[in-house]
């Protein structure tokens, strides 16, 4: 265990930020990525003192940067008395080793930085388990030798596990620990599956808020349900999914969930480790994509990043509503342009409450479209079994040789039952 005082000393590390602009990356995208890296560094407790950038056709396989630029980083490190150099890209094991030898400060990359922030913000048992598993998956190939403390890591950003722990750095113990964590997660997934089945049996549709980190999802959940979720102007302030029941004025009650925000270059280790938490996305009947409309220069890039993560999760087929948030900070002309680009979006201000009624109406209409009444031949029991597995069966009624099944199905499952939609099958509104 690392004493709290030591963790507090680890915060406030002076840092030099390093970014490489590759072909196809605009100056605006580069500036946004570095601005985001600075915000990530501050969230982790670092104090960015200087930024070094270089335009390259490709990363140097040994040191990312050219030799002269590595010296520039060293000079910036000495001038600012920085303890830490943070690279905006993920470093290979070779690059990490070479840079650690060449620079007069500890070296971490964007992935290690994000993992560190997740470690600081994980509060539930499941969240801590997922974060530690992701950190160890990242750390394992970066350990030199076996049973040797990584002296160059020392303490601070990149070495902190969830809570007050320090990450294990022995290969054999790491593998044993990862095996145990995977077993723990499997048990948690089983519990979550039981909770999901209970919700489905109750006929409660699930709505999940998704979006880029700090887009206002937690504020929106609080606005809709009074959930009391901590809201901070900080990246990744929400890690553990939060679900609350919401009684709709003109429709059924629903379960609405908030989950971890997405970000560009989201580490693969995190997507894999957080799959159980992100199941709330994959199991939803409807996704509400909360978009920060005030980020004009980078809005499209952020939307693209969210869509990429949804594709990675296999959730791209789920019905979706775009909610343009923070519209109180957007000029009318720009808002009209966004509504043309993202046709059918709902405009809201989660903080001020504007547009919430319209959003609830859109949610109700979208959920109504997911409820179908299907005509299934009485002898096709396997179809009924599949319907129970794929959706929430709300009602069954025998009509002669036909079973009338009212079921709520996610959008990506509807096509599998198209043959049962004709001759009286209908969508319930």
Protein backbone atom coordinates (compact mmCIF):
# COMPACT_ATOMS: atom_id res chain seq x y z
CA UNK A 1 0.00 0.00 0.00
CA UNK A 2 1.21 3.49 -0.82
CA UNK A 3 0.46 6.06 1.93
CA UNK A 4 -1.91 8.86 0.99
CA UNK A 5 0.79 11.46 1.58
CA UNK A 6 3.03 9.75 -0.95
CA UNK A 7 0.22 9.73 -3.48
CA UNK A 8 -0.32 13.41 -2.89
CA UNK A 9 3.38 14.03 -3.48
CA UNK A 10 3.06 12.02 -6.71
CA UNK A 11 0.49 14.54 -7.86
CA UNK A 12 1.89 17.82 -9.10
CA UNK A 13 4.67 16.17 -11.11
CA UNK A 14 6.04 18.61 -13.66
CA UNK A 15 5.63 17.27 -17.18
CA UNK A 16 6.77 17.92 -20.74
CA UNK A 17 4.21 16.95 -23.38
CA UNK A 18 5.33 15.53 -26.74
CA UNK A 19 3.26 15.21 -29.90
CA UNK A 20 3.99 14.07 -33.46
CA UNK A 21 1.96 15.32 -36.41
CA UNK A 22 1.72 12.64 -39.09
CA UNK A 23 0.47 13.10 -42.69
CA UNK A 24 -3.32 13.41 -42.78
CA UNK A 25 -3.51 15.14 -39.39
CA UNK A 26 -4.54 18.77 -39.71
CA UNK A 27 -3.08 21.54 -37.57
CA UNK A 28 -6.49 21.87 -35.85
CA UNK A 29 -6.62 18.15 -35.04
CA UNK A 30 -3.06 18.28 -33.73
CA UNK A 31 -3.85 21.25 -31.51
CA UNK A 32 -6.99 19.55 -30.18
CA UNK A 33 -5.13 16.32 -29.43
CA UNK A 34 -2.44 18.20 -27.48
CA UNK A 35 -5.07 20.24 -25.65
CA UNK A 36 -6.72 16.97 -24.68
CA UNK A 37 -3.37 15.51 -23.59
CA UNK A 38 -2.83 18.55 -21.37
CA UNK A 39 -6.29 18.06 -19.82
CA UNK A 40 -5.53 14.37 -19.25
CA UNK A 41 -2.21 15.24 -17.61
CA UNK A 42 -3.86 17.74 -15.26
CA UNK A 43 -6.60 15.24 -14.42
CA UNK A 44 -3.87 12.77 -13.42
CA UNK A 45 -2.28 15.41 -11.18
CA UNK A 46 0.58 16.55 -13.42
CA UNK A 47 1.56 20.13 -14.22
CA UNK A 48 2.41 20.52 -17.92
CA UNK A 49 5.35 22.92 -18.21
CA UNK A 50 6.27 22.69 -21.91
CA UNK A 51 5.19 21.08 -25.17
CA UNK A 52 7.47 19.74 -27.91
CA UNK A 53 6.06 18.84 -31.34
CA UNK A 54 7.45 17.51 -34.60
CA UNK A 55 6.03 16.83 -38.07
CA UNK A 56 7.09 13.44 -39.43
CA UNK A 57 6.12 11.14 -42.28
CA UNK A 58 6.15 8.23 -39.81
CA UNK A 59 7.15 7.55 -36.21
CA UNK A 60 10.83 6.77 -35.68
CA UNK A 61 10.67 3.05 -34.76
CA UNK A 62 13.39 3.53 -32.13
CA UNK A 63 12.54 6.83 -30.43
CA UNK A 64 9.35 8.15 -32.10
CA UNK A 65 11.12 11.47 -32.74
CA UNK A 66 14.21 12.34 -34.72
CA UNK A 67 17.49 12.42 -32.78
CA UNK A 68 17.67 16.21 -32.68
CA UNK A 69 14.12 16.50 -31.40
CA UNK A 70 14.85 14.02 -28.59
CA UNK A 71 17.56 16.46 -27.47
CA UNK A 72 14.99 19.27 -27.63
CA UNK A 73 12.81 17.26 -25.23
CA UNK A 74 15.78 16.80 -22.90
CA UNK A 75 16.50 20.53 -22.93
CA UNK A 76 12.84 21.31 -22.18
CA UNK A 77 12.90 18.75 -19.36
CA UNK A 78 15.99 20.29 -17.76
CA UNK A 79 14.78 23.87 -18.20
CA UNK A 80 11.43 23.14 -16.55
CA UNK A 81 12.85 20.66 -14.01
CA UNK A 82 10.22 18.19 -15.21
CA UNK A 83 9.92 14.75 -13.64
CA UNK A 84 7.89 13.30 -16.47
CA UNK A 85 7.68 13.21 -20.28
CA UNK A 86 4.26 12.30 -21.70
CA UNK A 87 3.94 11.20 -25.33
CA UNK A 88 0.62 11.69 -27.13
CA UNK A 89 0.89 8.35 -28.93
CA UNK A 90 1.20 4.81 -27.61
CA UNK A 91 4.84 3.75 -27.36
CA UNK A 92 6.14 0.34 -28.34
CA UNK A 93 8.24 -1.56 -25.82
CA UNK A 94 11.37 -0.68 -27.82
CA UNK A 95 10.49 3.01 -27.97
CA UNK A 96 9.74 3.08 -24.24
CA UNK A 97 13.15 1.53 -23.47
CA UNK A 98 15.13 3.76 -25.85
CA UNK A 99 13.42 6.95 -24.70
CA UNK A 100 13.87 6.02 -21.03
CA UNK A 101 17.60 5.65 -21.71
CA UNK A 102 17.81 8.91 -23.70
CA UNK A 103 15.76 11.24 -21.50
CA UNK A 104 16.42 12.61 -18.03
CA UNK A 105 12.86 11.94 -16.82
CA UNK A 106 10.35 9.13 -16.57
CA UNK A 107 8.54 8.40 -19.83
CA UNK A 108 4.87 7.51 -20.12
CA UNK A 109 2.56 7.45 -23.12
CA UNK A 110 -1.05 8.46 -23.63
CA UNK A 111 -2.26 4.94 -22.85
CA UNK A 112 -0.46 4.77 -19.49
CA UNK A 113 -1.78 8.23 -18.65
CA UNK A 114 -5.39 7.27 -19.36
CA UNK A 115 -5.00 4.03 -17.40
CA UNK A 116 -3.63 6.05 -14.47
CA UNK A 117 -6.66 8.35 -14.53
CA UNK A 118 -8.97 5.35 -14.58
CA UNK A 119 -7.12 3.96 -11.56
CA UNK A 120 -7.69 7.21 -9.67
CA UNK A 121 -11.40 7.33 -10.53
CA UNK A 122 -12.44 3.68 -10.08
CA UNK A 123 -14.70 3.38 -7.05
CA UNK A 124 -16.66 0.12 -7.29
CA UNK A 125 -15.19 -3.35 -7.01
CA UNK A 126 -15.91 -4.03 -10.66
CA UNK A 127 -14.36 -0.76 -11.80
CA UNK A 128 -11.19 -1.36 -9.79
CA UNK A 129 -10.91 -4.92 -11.08
CA UNK A 130 -11.27 -3.81 -14.69
CA UNK A 131 -8.74 -1.01 -14.33
CA UNK A 132 -6.12 -3.19 -12.67
CA UNK A 133 -6.55 -5.86 -15.35
CA UNK A 134 -6.09 -3.25 -18.09
CA UNK A 135 -3.01 -1.80 -16.38
CA UNK A 136 -1.37 -5.20 -15.95
CA UNK A 137 -2.13 -6.15 -19.58
CA UNK A 138 -0.34 -2.97 -20.64
CA UNK A 139 2.55 -3.36 -18.19
CA UNK A 140 3.39 -7.06 -18.71
CA UNK A 141 5.31 -6.76 -22.02
CA UNK A 142 7.14 -3.67 -20.74
CA UNK A 143 8.87 -5.36 -17.83
CA UNK A 144 12.58 -6.01 -18.27
CA UNK A 145 13.62 -9.36 -16.86
CA UNK A 146 11.69 -11.19 -14.17
CA UNK A 147 11.22 -10.42 -10.53
CA UNK A 148 12.89 -7.03 -10.87
CA UNK A 149 11.37 -3.81 -9.58
CA UNK A 150 11.09 -1.25 -12.38
CA UNK A 151 13.41 1.30 -10.80
CA UNK A 152 12.92 3.70 -13.69
CA UNK A 153 9.19 3.77 -12.99
CA UNK A 154 9.63 4.89 -9.40
CA UNK A 155 6.30 6.26 -8.21
CA UNK A 156 3.65 8.61 -9.48
CA UNK A 157 1.74 8.69 -12.76
CA UNK A 158 1.82 5.40 -14.62
CA UNK A 159 2.57 3.25 -11.55
CA UNK A 160 -0.57 3.70 -9.47
CA UNK A 161 -3.10 0.93 -9.25
CA UNK A 162 -6.72 1.40 -8.18
CA UNK A 163 -7.21 2.85 -4.73
CA UNK A 164 -3.99 3.13 -2.71
CA UNK A 165 -2.10 0.24 -4.30
CA UNK A 166 1.12 0.18 -6.29
CA UNK A 167 1.14 -1.95 -9.42
CA UNK A 168 2.78 -5.37 -9.28
CA UNK A 169 5.96 -5.54 -11.39
CA UNK A 170 6.92 -9.22 -11.24
CA UNK A 171 5.98 -11.13 -14.39
CA UNK A 172 4.97 -14.38 -12.72
CA UNK A 173 2.92 -12.63 -10.07
CA UNK A 174 1.33 -10.39 -12.73
CA UNK A 175 0.13 -13.43 -14.68
CA UNK A 176 -1.31 -15.01 -11.55
CA UNK A 177 -2.96 -11.75 -10.59
CA UNK A 178 -4.45 -11.31 -14.09
CA UNK A 179 -5.87 -14.84 -13.96
CA UNK A 180 -7.56 -14.08 -10.64
CA UNK A 181 -8.92 -10.75 -11.88
CA UNK A 182 -10.36 -12.41 -14.99
CA UNK A 183 -12.12 -14.94 -12.76
CA UNK A 184 -13.50 -12.17 -10.55
CA UNK A 185 -14.78 -10.31 -13.61
CA UNK A 186 -16.50 -13.45 -14.91
CA UNK A 187 -18.45 -13.68 -11.66
CA UNK A 188 -19.39 -9.99 -11.90
CA UNK A 189 -20.56 -10.49 -15.50
CA UNK A 190 -22.81 -13.33 -14.33
CA UNK A 191 -24.36 -11.09 -11.67
CA UNK A 192 -24.91 -8.34 -14.25
CA UNK A 193 -26.56 -10.85 -16.60
CA UNK A 194 -28.96 -11.88 -13.83
CA UNK A 195 -29.85 -8.24 -13.19
CA UNK A 196 -30.41 -7.71 -16.93
CA UNK A 197 -32.75 -10.71 -17.16
CA UNK A 198 -34.70 -9.39 -14.18
CA UNK A 199 -35.12 -6.05 -15.96
CA UNK A 200 -36.20 -7.78 -19.16
CA UNK A 201 -38.77 -9.91 -17.33
CA UNK A 202 -40.18 -6.73 -15.84
CA UNK A 203 -40.55 -5.37 -19.37
CA UNK A 204 -38.41 -2.30 -18.67
CA UNK A 205 -36.65 -1.02 -21.80
CA UNK A 206 -33.04 0.08 -21.39
CA UNK A 207 -31.71 3.44 -22.56
CA UNK A 208 -27.97 4.14 -22.39
CA UNK A 209 -26.26 7.53 -22.57
CA UNK A 210 -23.08 7.38 -24.63
CA UNK A 211 -20.69 10.09 -25.75
CA UNK A 212 -17.25 11.60 -25.64
CA UNK A 213 -15.81 12.14 -22.19
CA UNK A 214 -16.98 15.37 -20.52
CA UNK A 215 -19.86 15.79 -22.99
CA UNK A 216 -22.45 16.12 -20.21
CA UNK A 217 -23.82 12.58 -19.83
CA UNK A 218 -23.77 12.57 -16.02
CA UNK A 219 -25.38 16.01 -15.92
CA UNK A 220 -28.11 14.72 -18.24
CA UNK A 221 -28.68 11.61 -16.11
CA UNK A 222 -29.04 13.82 -13.03
CA UNK A 223 -31.41 16.12 -14.92
CA UNK A 224 -33.60 13.21 -16.02
CA UNK A 225 -33.62 11.13 -12.84
CA UNK A 226 -32.09 13.09 -9.95
CA UNK A 227 -29.54 10.28 -9.71
CA UNK A 228 -27.02 12.30 -7.73
CA UNK A 229 -24.12 11.24 -9.95
CA UNK A 230 -20.93 13.22 -9.30
CA UNK A 231 -20.51 15.84 -12.02
CA UNK A 232 -17.08 17.36 -12.56
CA UNK A 233 -15.56 19.43 -15.35
CA UNK A 234 -12.93 16.74 -15.68
CA UNK A 235 -12.11 13.93 -18.08
CA UNK A 236 -13.30 10.47 -17.01
CA UNK A 237 -15.01 11.61 -13.81
CA UNK A 238 -17.48 8.75 -14.47
CA UNK A 239 -16.11 5.21 -14.82
CA UNK A 240 -18.68 2.91 -13.30
CA UNK A 241 -22.00 2.66 -15.08
CA UNK A 242 -24.96 4.10 -13.17
CA UNK A 243 -28.51 2.92 -13.88
CA UNK A 244 -31.72 4.55 -12.66
CA UNK A 245 -35.42 3.96 -13.25
CA UNK A 246 -37.27 6.75 -15.02
CA UNK A 247 -41.08 6.88 -15.10
CA UNK A 248 -42.12 8.28 -18.47
CA UNK A 249 -45.16 10.57 -18.51
CA UNK A 250 -46.74 9.02 -21.62
CA UNK A 251 -45.28 5.55 -21.73
CA UNK A 252 -43.68 2.72 -19.79
CA UNK A 253 -41.02 3.16 -17.16
CA UNK A 254 -37.48 2.76 -18.47
CA UNK A 255 -34.04 2.05 -17.06
CA UNK A 256 -31.58 4.76 -18.12
CA UNK A 257 -27.83 4.30 -17.71
CA UNK A 258 -24.73 6.45 -17.85
CA UNK A 259 -21.37 4.87 -18.60
CA UNK A 260 -17.71 5.72 -19.12
CA UNK A 261 -17.03 8.44 -21.67
CA UNK A 262 -15.17 7.60 -24.85
CA UNK A 263 -12.07 9.34 -26.16
CA UNK A 264 -9.89 9.27 -29.25
CA UNK A 265 -7.09 6.71 -29.12
CA UNK A 266 -8.96 4.84 -26.37
CA UNK A 267 -6.51 2.13 -25.24
CA UNK A 268 -7.40 -1.36 -26.48
CA UNK A 269 -6.61 -2.69 -23.01
CA UNK A 270 -9.41 -0.54 -21.62
CA UNK A 271 -12.00 -1.54 -24.21
CA UNK A 272 -11.24 -5.20 -23.49
CA UNK A 273 -11.12 -4.90 -19.70
CA UNK A 274 -14.19 -2.66 -19.49
CA UNK A 275 -16.28 -4.92 -21.69
CA UNK A 276 -18.44 -6.00 -18.74
CA UNK A 277 -19.23 -2.37 -17.81
CA UNK A 278 -19.81 -1.55 -21.48
CA UNK A 279 -22.32 -4.40 -21.76
CA UNK A 280 -24.86 -1.83 -20.61
CA UNK A 281 -24.30 -0.24 -24.03
CA UNK A 282 -24.64 -3.49 -25.96
CA UNK A 283 -27.76 -4.54 -24.05
CA UNK A 284 -29.59 -1.22 -24.51
CA UNK A 285 -32.76 -0.92 -26.55
CA UNK A 286 -31.83 2.68 -27.36
CA UNK A 287 -28.66 4.77 -27.24
CA UNK A 288 -28.70 8.52 -26.62
CA UNK A 289 -25.48 9.95 -28.06
CA UNK A 290 -24.75 13.08 -26.02
CA UNK A 291 -22.73 15.48 -28.20
CA UNK A 292 -21.01 18.59 -26.85
CA UNK A 293 -22.24 21.10 -29.44
CA UNK A 294 -19.99 23.83 -28.06
CA UNK A 295 -16.82 22.09 -29.35
CA UNK A 296 -17.19 23.37 -32.91
CA UNK A 297 -13.65 22.70 -34.15
CA UNK A 298 -13.51 19.09 -32.98
CA UNK A 299 -17.14 18.01 -32.82
CA UNK A 300 -17.02 15.87 -35.96
CA UNK A 301 -13.83 14.13 -34.83
CA UNK A 302 -15.34 13.39 -31.42
CA UNK A 303 -18.51 11.98 -32.97
CA UNK A 304 -16.34 9.77 -35.18
CA UNK A 305 -14.39 8.51 -32.15
CA UNK A 306 -17.62 7.52 -30.38
CA UNK A 307 -18.91 5.74 -33.49
CA UNK A 308 -15.63 3.80 -33.77
CA UNK A 309 -15.94 2.53 -30.18
CA UNK A 310 -19.58 1.56 -30.77
CA UNK A 311 -18.48 -0.43 -33.84
CA UNK A 312 -15.75 -2.12 -31.79
CA UNK A 313 -18.41 -3.13 -29.26
CA UNK A 314 -20.80 -4.40 -31.95
CA UNK A 315 -23.38 -1.79 -30.92
CA UNK A 316 -23.63 0.15 -34.19
CA UNK A 317 -26.99 -1.47 -35.05
CA UNK A 318 -28.78 -0.26 -31.91
CA UNK A 319 -31.33 2.52 -32.42
CA UNK A 320 -29.87 5.90 -31.61
CA UNK A 321 -30.85 9.50 -30.84
CA UNK A 322 -28.33 12.32 -31.14
CA UNK A 323 -28.69 14.88 -28.35
CA UNK A 324 -26.80 18.10 -29.11
CA UNK A 325 -25.90 19.31 -25.62
CA UNK A 326 -24.64 22.65 -24.23
CA UNK A 327 -26.63 24.49 -26.90
CA UNK A 328 -26.87 27.48 -24.56
CA UNK A 329 -23.21 28.06 -25.50
CA UNK A 330 -23.82 27.85 -29.27
CA UNK A 331 -24.88 30.67 -31.61
CA UNK A 332 -28.14 30.17 -33.52
CA UNK A 333 -26.48 30.01 -36.94
CA UNK A 334 -24.03 27.34 -35.82
CA UNK A 335 -26.84 25.35 -34.21
CA UNK A 336 -28.84 25.43 -37.45
CA UNK A 337 -25.76 24.14 -39.30
CA UNK A 338 -25.36 21.27 -36.83
CA UNK A 339 -29.02 20.33 -37.21
CA UNK A 340 -28.50 20.09 -40.96
CA UNK A 341 -25.42 17.91 -40.51
CA UNK A 342 -26.93 15.72 -37.77
CA UNK A 343 -30.48 15.61 -39.08
CA UNK A 344 -33.11 14.57 -36.58
CA UNK A 345 -31.03 15.52 -33.54
CA UNK A 346 -32.60 16.91 -30.37
CA UNK A 347 -31.11 20.12 -28.96
CA UNK A 348 -30.73 20.29 -25.19
CA UNK A 349 -28.94 21.96 -22.32
CA UNK A 350 -28.55 19.33 -19.62
CA UNK A 351 -27.27 21.96 -17.19
CA UNK A 352 -30.08 24.46 -17.80
CA UNK A 353 -32.91 22.04 -18.61
CA UNK A 354 -33.75 23.35 -22.10
CA UNK A 355 -35.03 20.73 -24.54
CA UNK A 356 -35.41 17.94 -21.96
CA UNK A 357 -39.11 17.54 -22.75
CA UNK A 358 -38.34 17.12 -26.45
CA UNK A 359 -35.67 14.54 -25.64
CA UNK A 360 -38.06 12.51 -23.48
CA UNK A 361 -40.64 12.61 -26.27
CA UNK A 362 -38.04 11.37 -28.79
CA UNK A 363 -36.99 8.58 -26.39
CA UNK A 364 -40.61 7.48 -25.98
CA UNK A 365 -41.23 7.44 -29.73
CA UNK A 366 -38.04 5.51 -30.45
CA UNK A 367 -38.77 2.90 -27.78
CA UNK A 368 -42.32 2.44 -29.06
CA UNK A 369 -40.87 1.51 -32.45
CA UNK A 370 -38.90 -1.36 -30.87
CA UNK A 371 -42.04 -3.19 -29.70
CA UNK A 372 -43.40 -5.65 -32.26
CA UNK A 373 -46.27 -8.11 -32.36
CA UNK A 374 -45.15 -11.19 -34.31
CA UNK A 375 -47.12 -14.16 -35.67
CA UNK A 376 -45.20 -17.33 -34.81
CA UNK A 377 -46.57 -20.78 -35.79
CA UNK A 378 -47.51 -22.69 -32.64
CA UNK A 379 -45.12 -25.51 -33.55
CA UNK A 380 -42.09 -23.20 -33.75
CA UNK A 381 -41.10 -23.30 -30.11
CA UNK A 382 -37.45 -22.64 -30.97
CA UNK A 383 -38.43 -19.22 -32.37
CA UNK A 384 -40.12 -18.31 -29.10
CA UNK A 385 -37.00 -19.43 -27.22
CA UNK A 386 -34.83 -17.20 -29.42
CA UNK A 387 -37.16 -14.26 -28.83
CA UNK A 388 -36.77 -14.68 -25.07
CA UNK A 389 -33.00 -14.71 -25.57
CA UNK A 390 -32.77 -11.80 -28.02
CA UNK A 391 -35.33 -9.44 -26.51
CA UNK A 392 -37.98 -8.93 -23.85
CA UNK A 393 -41.18 -10.91 -24.46
CA UNK A 394 -44.01 -8.77 -23.08
CA UNK A 395 -47.03 -10.91 -23.93
CA UNK A 396 -47.97 -14.17 -25.68
CA UNK A 397 -51.45 -15.14 -26.88
CA UNK A 398 -52.52 -18.27 -28.79
CA UNK A 399 -54.72 -17.55 -31.83
CA UNK A 400 -55.61 -20.91 -33.35
CA UNK A 401 -52.41 -22.33 -34.84
CA UNK A 402 -50.54 -19.06 -34.36
CA UNK A 403 -48.81 -17.62 -31.32
CA UNK A 404 -49.14 -13.81 -31.16
CA UNK A 405 -45.96 -12.62 -29.46
CA UNK A 406 -45.49 -9.02 -28.34
CA UNK A 407 -41.78 -8.47 -27.91
CA UNK A 408 -39.33 -5.63 -27.55
CA UNK A 409 -36.35 -6.20 -29.83
CA UNK A 410 -33.18 -4.15 -30.33
CA UNK A 411 -32.83 -2.72 -33.81
CA UNK A 412 -30.11 -5.14 -34.89
CA UNK A 413 -32.30 -8.18 -34.03
CA UNK A 414 -35.42 -7.21 -35.97
CA UNK A 415 -34.18 -8.51 -39.33
CA UNK A 416 -33.86 -12.04 -37.93
CA UNK A 417 -37.63 -12.16 -37.40
CA UNK A 418 -38.86 -10.44 -40.56
CA UNK A 419 -40.66 -13.59 -41.79
CA UNK A 420 -42.97 -13.35 -38.76
CA UNK A 421 -43.86 -9.68 -39.28
CA UNK A 422 -46.34 -10.09 -42.13
CA UNK A 423 -50.02 -11.01 -42.17
CA UNK A 424 -51.07 -9.01 -39.17
CA UNK A 425 -47.75 -8.47 -37.47
CA UNK A 426 -47.44 -4.86 -36.42
CA UNK A 427 -45.26 -2.33 -34.70
CA UNK A 428 -46.76 -1.14 -31.43
CA UNK A 429 -46.82 2.64 -30.85
